[in-house]
Structure formats: structure tokens, C-alpha cells
């Protein structure tokens, strides 16, 4: 059984991989080429540079969070 960081990293990798497979298949039009492209992209970005995965996940979830957070403010009307 792994530690928490390893489990979170694996979950993020799987999430990014599934997203990339959907994107690559829709872009290339071929399922085999899309899966191969996704495997290459995940290997290069995740296993070579883990910082890229953290940055992408921050922007992916951070944008939705801050967009919702910004809408909760009521403008000040004097």
C-alpha cells in the first residue's frame, strides 16, 4: 500500500490520461492513434516532469474554483 502522495499522483495521472485520450481521439479521428498519442504525452509530461502535472491540475481546477469564487462577491453600490 502506497502513501497518500503516491495515491494522489496516480489518481491525477489517470484523470489526465482519460482526458487526453478523449481529446486525442476526437482530434485525430482514430482510436489507436489517439491512445498512442495519449500514452506518449502522459509519459513525457508526467513521468519525466511531475511538476507539469501539478501545474496543469492547478490551472484546470483553479480556474473553475476562482471563477465560481469571484461570482459570489456582491458589487459595492454607494
PDB file of N, CA and C in Angstrom:
ATOM      1  N   UNK A   1       0.851  -1.179   0.000  1.00  0.00           N
ATOM      2  CA  UNK A   1       0.000   0.000   0.000  1.00  0.00           C
ATOM      3  C   UNK A   1       0.889   1.231   0.000  1.00  0.00           C
ATOM      4  N   UNK A   2       0.597   2.173  -0.891  1.00  0.00           N
ATOM      5  CA  UNK A   2       1.413   3.359  -1.023  1.00  0.00           C
ATOM      6  C   UNK A   2       1.002   4.446  -0.059  1.00  0.00           C
ATOM      7  N   UNK A   3       1.790   5.466  -0.037  1.00  0.00           N
ATOM      8  CA  UNK A   3       1.447   6.591   0.815  1.00  0.00           C
ATOM      9  C   UNK A   3       0.447   7.496   0.093  1.00  0.00           C
ATOM     10  N   UNK A   4      -0.011   8.527   0.762  1.00  0.00           N
ATOM     11  CA  UNK A   4      -1.059   9.394   0.237  1.00  0.00           C
ATOM     12  C   UNK A   4      -0.596  10.121  -1.021  1.00  0.00           C
ATOM     13  N   UNK A   5       0.633  10.625  -1.039  1.00  0.00           N
ATOM     14  CA  UNK A   5       1.121  11.377  -2.188  1.00  0.00           C
ATOM     15  C   UNK A   5       1.169  10.490  -3.437  1.00  0.00           C
ATOM     16  N   UNK A   6       1.598   9.252  -3.296  1.00  0.00           N
ATOM     17  CA  UNK A   6       1.660   8.336  -4.431  1.00  0.00           C
ATOM     18  C   UNK A   6       0.260   8.028  -4.962  1.00  0.00           C
ATOM     19  N   UNK A   7      -0.687   7.838  -4.062  1.00  0.00           N
ATOM     20  CA  UNK A   7      -2.058   7.562  -4.482  1.00  0.00           C
ATOM     21  C   UNK A   7      -2.677   8.766  -5.184  1.00  0.00           C
ATOM     22  N   UNK A   8      -2.454   9.962  -4.661  1.00  0.00           N
ATOM     23  CA  UNK A   8      -2.964  11.168  -5.307  1.00  0.00           C
ATOM     24  C   UNK A   8      -2.321  11.381  -6.673  1.00  0.00           C
ATOM     25  N   UNK A   9      -1.037  11.119  -6.760  1.00  0.00           N
ATOM     26  CA  UNK A   9      -0.340  11.272  -8.029  1.00  0.00           C
ATOM     27  C   UNK A   9      -0.893  10.286  -9.061  1.00  0.00           C
ATOM     28  N   UNK A  10      -1.149   9.058  -8.658  1.00  0.00           N
ATOM     29  CA  UNK A  10      -1.713   8.067  -9.571  1.00  0.00           C
ATOM     30  C   UNK A  10      -3.112   8.469 -10.020  1.00  0.00           C
ATOM     31  N   UNK A  11      -3.919   8.981  -9.104  1.00  0.00           N
ATOM     32  CA  UNK A  11      -5.267   9.426  -9.465  1.00  0.00           C
ATOM     33  C   UNK A  11      -5.211  10.586 -10.459  1.00  0.00           C
ATOM     34  N   UNK A  12      -4.306  11.515 -10.259  1.00  0.00           N
ATOM     35  CA  UNK A  12      -4.153  12.639 -11.184  1.00  0.00           C
ATOM     36  C   UNK A  12      -3.674  12.163 -12.552  1.00  0.00           C
ATOM     37  N   UNK A  13      -2.767  11.206 -12.569  1.00  0.00           N
ATOM     38  CA  UNK A  13      -2.263  10.669 -13.832  1.00  0.00           C
ATOM     39  C   UNK A  13      -3.396   9.998 -14.608  1.00  0.00           C
ATOM     40  N   UNK A  14      -4.213   9.207 -13.924  1.00  0.00           N
ATOM     41  CA  UNK A  14      -5.330   8.547 -14.593  1.00  0.00           C
ATOM     42  C   UNK A  14      -6.346   9.551 -15.118  1.00  0.00           C
ATOM     43  N   UNK A  15      -6.617  10.585 -14.350  1.00  0.00           N
ATOM     44  CA  UNK A  15      -7.549  11.629 -14.765  1.00  0.00           C
ATOM     45  C   UNK A  15      -7.034  12.324 -16.021  1.00  0.00           C
ATOM     46  N   UNK A  16      -5.764  12.709 -16.018  1.00  0.00           N
ATOM     47  CA  UNK A  16      -5.169  13.380 -17.166  1.00  0.00           C
ATOM     48  C   UNK A  16      -5.133  12.440 -18.367  1.00  0.00           C
ATOM     49  N   UNK A  17      -4.831  11.169 -18.143  1.00  0.00           N
ATOM     50  CA  UNK A  17      -4.770  10.208 -19.242  1.00  0.00           C
ATOM     51  C   UNK A  17      -6.132  10.048 -19.920  1.00  0.00           C
ATOM     52  N   UNK A  18      -7.190   9.903 -19.135  1.00  0.00           N
ATOM     53  CA  UNK A  18      -8.528   9.749 -19.714  1.00  0.00           C
ATOM     54  C   UNK A  18      -8.913  11.005 -20.486  1.00  0.00           C
ATOM     55  N   UNK A  19      -8.607  12.166 -19.945  1.00  0.00           N
ATOM     56  CA  UNK A  19      -8.902  13.422 -20.633  1.00  0.00           C
ATOM     57  C   UNK A  19      -8.115  13.515 -21.937  1.00  0.00           C
ATOM     58  N   UNK A  20      -6.845  13.139 -21.906  1.00  0.00           N
ATOM     59  CA  UNK A  20      -6.027  13.193 -23.113  1.00  0.00           C
ATOM     60  C   UNK A  20      -6.486  12.181 -24.159  1.00  0.00           C
ATOM     61  N   UNK A  21      -6.933  11.014 -23.734  1.00  0.00           N
ATOM     62  CA  UNK A  21      -7.442  10.025 -24.694  1.00  0.00           C
ATOM     63  C   UNK A  21      -8.666  10.581 -25.416  1.00  0.00           C
ATOM     64  N   UNK A  22      -9.578  11.175 -24.680  1.00  0.00           N
ATOM     65  CA  UNK A  22     -10.765  11.759 -25.311  1.00  0.00           C
ATOM     66  C   UNK A  22     -10.379  12.865 -26.286  1.00  0.00           C
ATOM     67  N   UNK A  23      -9.457  13.722 -25.873  1.00  0.00           N
ATOM     68  CA  UNK A  23      -9.017  14.810 -26.737  1.00  0.00           C
ATOM     69  C   UNK A  23      -8.300  14.288 -27.973  1.00  0.00           C
ATOM     70  N   UNK A  24      -7.397  13.333 -27.800  1.00  0.00           N
ATOM     71  CA  UNK A  24      -6.602  12.822 -28.912  1.00  0.00           C
ATOM     72  C   UNK A  24      -7.461  12.043 -29.904  1.00  0.00           C
ATOM     73  N   UNK A  25      -8.404  11.266 -29.418  1.00  0.00           N
ATOM     74  CA  UNK A  25      -9.280  10.511 -30.326  1.00  0.00           C
ATOM     75  C   UNK A  25     -10.155  11.464 -31.126  1.00  0.00           C
ATOM     76  N   UNK A  26     -10.673  12.501 -30.485  1.00  0.00           N
ATOM     77  CA  UNK A  26     -11.507  13.454 -31.224  1.00  0.00           C
ATOM     78  C   UNK A  26     -10.675  14.288 -32.196  1.00  0.00           C
ATOM     79  N   UNK A  27      -9.423  14.532 -31.873  1.00  0.00           N
ATOM     80  CA  UNK A  27      -8.567  15.330 -32.755  1.00  0.00           C
ATOM     81  C   UNK A  27      -8.081  14.524 -33.948  1.00  0.00           C
ATOM     82  N   UNK A  28      -7.616  13.314 -33.713  1.00  0.00           N
ATOM     83  CA  UNK A  28      -7.056  12.512 -34.798  1.00  0.00           C
ATOM     84  C   UNK A  28      -8.110  11.737 -35.574  1.00  0.00           C
ATOM     85  N   UNK A  29      -9.225  11.413 -34.949  1.00  0.00           N
ATOM     86  CA  UNK A  29     -10.261  10.640 -35.612  1.00  0.00           C
ATOM     87  C   UNK A  29     -10.011   9.145 -35.574  1.00  0.00           C
ATOM     88  N   UNK A  30      -8.901   8.719 -35.022  1.00  0.00           N
ATOM     89  CA  UNK A  30      -8.568   7.299 -34.929  1.00  0.00           C
ATOM     90  C   UNK A  30      -8.347   6.936 -33.461  1.00  0.00           C
ATOM     91  N   UNK A  31      -8.972   5.864 -33.041  1.00  0.00           N
ATOM     92  CA  UNK A  31      -8.846   5.453 -31.644  1.00  0.00           C
ATOM     93  C   UNK A  31      -7.429   4.969 -31.327  1.00  0.00           C
ATOM     94  N   UNK A  32      -6.826   4.187 -32.219  1.00  0.00           N
ATOM     95  CA  UNK A  32      -5.484   3.651 -31.964  1.00  0.00           C
ATOM     96  C   UNK A  32      -4.437   4.763 -31.911  1.00  0.00           C
ATOM     97  N   UNK A  33      -4.519   5.686 -32.864  1.00  0.00           N
ATOM     98  CA  UNK A  33      -3.556   6.798 -32.882  1.00  0.00           C
ATOM     99  C   UNK A  33      -3.774   7.704 -31.673  1.00  0.00           C
ATOM    100  N   UNK A  34      -5.021   7.912 -31.288  1.00  0.00           N
ATOM    101  CA  UNK A  34      -5.328   8.743 -30.130  1.00  0.00           C
ATOM    102  C   UNK A  34      -4.791   8.162 -28.839  1.00  0.00           C
ATOM    103  N   UNK A  35      -4.951   6.857 -28.661  1.00  0.00           N
ATOM    104  CA  UNK A  35      -4.436   6.203 -27.451  1.00  0.00           C
ATOM    105  C   UNK A  35      -2.916   6.238 -27.437  1.00  0.00           C
ATOM    106  N   UNK A  36      -2.289   5.988 -28.585  1.00  0.00           N
ATOM    107  CA  UNK A  36      -0.830   6.043 -28.659  1.00  0.00           C
ATOM    108  C   UNK A  36      -0.312   7.448 -28.360  1.00  0.00           C
ATOM    109  N   UNK A  37      -0.970   8.458 -28.921  1.00  0.00           N
ATOM    110  CA  UNK A  37      -0.579   9.845 -28.652  1.00  0.00           C
ATOM    111  C   UNK A  37      -0.745  10.187 -27.176  1.00  0.00           C
ATOM    112  N   UNK A  38      -1.810   9.706 -26.562  1.00  0.00           N
ATOM    113  CA  UNK A  38      -2.040   9.967 -25.138  1.00  0.00           C
ATOM    114  C   UNK A  38      -0.979   9.311 -24.272  1.00  0.00           C
ATOM    115  N   UNK A  39      -0.609   8.085 -24.605  1.00  0.00           N
ATOM    116  CA  UNK A  39       0.423   7.396 -23.839  1.00  0.00           C
ATOM    117  C   UNK A  39       1.738   8.155 -23.905  1.00  0.00           C
ATOM    118  N   UNK A  40       2.092   8.609 -25.091  1.00  0.00           N
ATOM    119  CA  UNK A  40       3.342   9.364 -25.248  1.00  0.00           C
ATOM    120  C   UNK A  40       3.286  10.675 -24.470  1.00  0.00           C
ATOM    121  N   UNK A  41       2.183  11.401 -24.568  1.00  0.00           N
ATOM    122  CA  UNK A  41       2.064  12.674 -23.854  1.00  0.00           C
ATOM    123  C   UNK A  41       2.089  12.489 -22.341  1.00  0.00           C
ATOM    124  N   UNK A  42       1.395  11.480 -21.845  1.00  0.00           N
ATOM    125  CA  UNK A  42       1.390  11.236 -20.402  1.00  0.00           C
ATOM    126  C   UNK A  42       2.776  10.829 -19.930  1.00  0.00           C
ATOM    127  N   UNK A  43       3.454   9.992 -20.686  1.00  0.00           N
ATOM    128  CA  UNK A  43       4.804   9.585 -20.282  1.00  0.00           C
ATOM    129  C   UNK A  43       5.751  10.786 -20.244  1.00  0.00           C
ATOM    130  N   UNK A  44       5.722  11.597 -21.276  1.00  0.00           N
ATOM    131  CA  UNK A  44       6.654  12.733 -21.323  1.00  0.00           C
ATOM    132  C   UNK A  44       6.348  13.785 -20.265  1.00  0.00           C
ATOM    133  N   UNK A  45       5.068  14.070 -20.043  1.00  0.00           N
ATOM    134  CA  UNK A  45       4.746  15.140 -19.103  1.00  0.00           C
ATOM    135  C   UNK A  45       4.720  14.684 -17.655  1.00  0.00           C
ATOM    136  N   UNK A  46       4.296  13.447 -17.397  1.00  0.00           N
ATOM    137  CA  UNK A  46       4.112  13.010 -16.014  1.00  0.00           C
ATOM    138  C   UNK A  46       5.349  12.323 -15.464  1.00  0.00           C
ATOM    139  N   UNK A  47       5.853  11.346 -16.168  1.00  0.00           N
ATOM    140  CA  UNK A  47       6.964  10.586 -15.621  1.00  0.00           C
ATOM    141  C   UNK A  47       8.301  11.298 -15.784  1.00  0.00           C
ATOM    142  N   UNK A  48       8.397  12.188 -16.750  1.00  0.00           N
ATOM    143  CA  UNK A  48       9.632  12.944 -16.908  1.00  0.00           C
ATOM    144  C   UNK A  48       9.608  14.233 -16.094  1.00  0.00           C
ATOM    145  N   UNK A  49       8.444  14.889 -16.033  1.00  0.00           N
ATOM    146  CA  UNK A  49       8.314  16.176 -15.348  1.00  0.00           C
ATOM    147  C   UNK A  49       7.009  16.192 -14.552  1.00  0.00           C
ATOM    148  N   UNK A  50       7.062  15.782 -13.298  1.00  0.00           N
ATOM    149  CA  UNK A  50       5.870  15.734 -12.443  1.00  0.00           C
ATOM    150  C   UNK A  50       5.354  17.139 -12.158  1.00  0.00           C
ATOM    151  N   UNK A  51       6.230  18.124 -12.182  1.00  0.00           N
ATOM    152  CA  UNK A  51       5.813  19.497 -11.908  1.00  0.00           C
ATOM    153  C   UNK A  51       4.789  19.978 -12.925  1.00  0.00           C
ATOM    154  N   UNK A  52       4.900  19.503 -14.164  1.00  0.00           N
ATOM    155  CA  UNK A  52       3.949  19.896 -15.206  1.00  0.00           C
ATOM    156  C   UNK A  52       2.559  19.390 -14.857  1.00  0.00           C
ATOM    157  N   UNK A  53       2.452  18.172 -14.348  1.00  0.00           N
ATOM    158  CA  UNK A  53       1.160  17.632 -13.951  1.00  0.00           C
ATOM    159  C   UNK A  53       0.535  18.472 -12.848  1.00  0.00           C
ATOM    160  N   UNK A  54       1.337  18.843 -11.864  1.00  0.00           N
ATOM    161  CA  UNK A  54       0.821  19.665 -10.764  1.00  0.00           C
ATOM    162  C   UNK A  54       0.354  21.014 -11.284  1.00  0.00           C
ATOM    163  N   UNK A  55       1.105  21.620 -12.182  1.00  0.00           N
ATOM    164  CA  UNK A  55       0.739  22.916 -12.751  1.00  0.00           C
ATOM    165  C   UNK A  55      -0.542  22.820 -13.575  1.00  0.00           C
ATOM    166  N   UNK A  56      -0.664  21.790 -14.395  1.00  0.00           N
ATOM    167  CA  UNK A  56      -1.864  21.614 -15.217  1.00  0.00           C
ATOM    168  C   UNK A  56      -3.082  21.389 -14.339  1.00  0.00           C
ATOM    169  N   UNK A  57      -2.948  20.554 -13.320  1.00  0.00           N
ATOM    170  CA  UNK A  57      -4.080  20.304 -12.425  1.00  0.00           C
ATOM    171  C   UNK A  57      -4.476  21.567 -11.662  1.00  0.00           C
ATOM    172  N   UNK A  58      -3.495  22.378 -11.273  1.00  0.00           N
ATOM    173  CA  UNK A  58      -3.795  23.626 -10.572  1.00  0.00           C
ATOM    174  C   UNK A  58      -4.591  24.566 -11.477  1.00  0.00           C
ATOM    175  N   UNK A  59      -4.162  24.703 -12.732  1.00  0.00           N
ATOM    176  CA  UNK A  59      -4.878  25.587 -13.642  1.00  0.00           C
ATOM    177  C   UNK A  59      -6.241  25.021 -14.019  1.00  0.00           C
ATOM    178  N   UNK A  60      -6.329  23.692 -14.169  1.00  0.00           N
ATOM    179  CA  UNK A  60      -7.594  23.078 -14.560  1.00  0.00           C
ATOM    180  C   UNK A  60      -8.647  23.252 -13.475  1.00  0.00           C
ATOM    181  N   UNK A  61      -8.287  22.938 -12.238  1.00  0.00           N
ATOM    182  CA  UNK A  61      -9.241  23.073 -11.148  1.00  0.00           C
ATOM    183  C   UNK A  61      -9.262  24.490 -10.579  1.00  0.00           C
ATOM    184  N   UNK A  62      -8.149  25.178 -10.633  1.00  0.00           N
ATOM    185  CA  UNK A  62      -8.076  26.525 -10.091  1.00  0.00           C
ATOM    186  C   UNK A  62      -8.942  27.505 -10.840  1.00  0.00           C
ATOM    187  N   UNK A  63      -9.008  27.388 -12.166  1.00  0.00           N
ATOM    188  CA  UNK A  63      -9.813  28.305 -12.961  1.00  0.00           C
ATOM    189  C   UNK A  63     -11.287  28.175 -12.599  1.00  0.00           C
ATOM    190  N   UNK A  64     -11.785  26.951 -12.514  1.00  0.00           N
ATOM    191  CA  UNK A  64     -13.191  26.734 -12.162  1.00  0.00           C
ATOM    192  C   UNK A  64     -13.477  27.219 -10.743  1.00  0.00           C
ATOM    193  N   UNK A  65     -12.534  26.984  -9.826  1.00  0.00           N
ATOM    194  CA  UNK A  65     -12.734  27.411  -8.444  1.00  0.00           C
ATOM    195  C   UNK A  65     -12.783  28.929  -8.342  1.00  0.00           C
ATOM    196  N   UNK A  66     -11.810  29.612  -8.942  1.00  0.00           N
ATOM    197  CA  UNK A  66     -11.760  31.065  -8.820  1.00  0.00           C
ATOM    198  C   UNK A  66     -12.858  31.751  -9.612  1.00  0.00           C
ATOM    199  N   UNK A  67     -13.322  31.140 -10.704  1.00  0.00           N
ATOM    200  CA  UNK A  67     -14.439  31.711 -11.442  1.00  0.00           C
ATOM    201  C   UNK A  67     -15.706  31.673 -10.599  1.00  0.00           C
ATOM    202  N   UNK A  68     -15.951  30.563  -9.912  1.00  0.00           N
ATOM    203  CA  UNK A  68     -17.108  30.446  -9.030  1.00  0.00           C
ATOM    204  C   UNK A  68     -16.948  31.341  -7.813  1.00  0.00           C
ATOM    205  N   UNK A  69     -15.741  31.400  -7.286  1.00  0.00           N
ATOM    206  CA  UNK A  69     -15.471  32.222  -6.106  1.00  0.00           C
ATOM    207  C   UNK A  69     -15.696  33.700  -6.404  1.00  0.00           C
ATOM    208  N   UNK A  70     -15.314  34.139  -7.598  1.00  0.00           N
ATOM    209  CA  UNK A  70     -15.466  35.539  -7.976  1.00  0.00           C
ATOM    210  C   UNK A  70     -16.935  35.928  -8.115  1.00  0.00           C
ATOM    211  N   UNK A  71     -17.781  35.023  -8.536  1.00  0.00           N
ATOM    212  CA  UNK A  71     -19.192  35.308  -8.721  1.00  0.00           C
ATOM    213  C   UNK A  71     -19.953  35.432  -7.409  1.00  0.00           C
ATOM    214  N   UNK A  72     -19.361  35.018  -6.306  1.00  0.00           N
ATOM    215  CA  UNK A  72     -20.050  35.103  -5.024  1.00  0.00           C
ATOM    216  C   UNK A  72     -19.979  36.496  -4.404  1.00  0.00           C
ATOM    217  N   UNK A  73     -19.095  37.347  -4.923  1.00  0.00           N
ATOM    218  CA  UNK A  73     -18.987  38.697  -4.393  1.00  0.00           C
ATOM    219  C   UNK A  73     -20.108  39.577  -4.935  1.00  0.00           C
ATOM    220  N   UNK A  74     -20.645  40.386  -4.058  1.00  0.00           N
ATOM    221  CA  UNK A  74     -21.694  41.346  -4.447  1.00  0.00           C
ATOM    222  C   UNK A  74     -21.024  42.691  -4.662  1.00  0.00           C
ATOM    223  N   UNK A  75     -21.230  43.317  -5.806  1.00  0.00           N
ATOM    224  CA  UNK A  75     -20.574  44.605  -6.041  1.00  0.00           C
ATOM    225  C   UNK A  75     -21.073  45.677  -5.067  1.00  0.00           C
ATOM    226  N   UNK A  76     -20.152  46.526  -4.683  1.00  0.00           N
ATOM    227  CA  UNK A  76     -20.472  47.603  -3.745  1.00  0.00           C
ATOM    228  C   UNK A  76     -21.126  48.764  -4.491  1.00  0.00           C
ATOM    229  N   UNK A  77     -22.306  49.156  -4.024  1.00  0.00           N
ATOM    230  CA  UNK A  77     -23.018  50.276  -4.650  1.00  0.00           C
ATOM    231  C   UNK A  77     -23.224  51.353  -3.600  1.00  0.00           C
ATOM    232  N   UNK A  78     -22.516  52.475  -3.723  1.00  0.00           N
ATOM    233  CA  UNK A  78     -22.656  53.534  -2.715  1.00  0.00           C
ATOM    234  C   UNK A  78     -23.927  54.310  -2.815  1.00  0.00           C
TER     235      UNK A  78
END
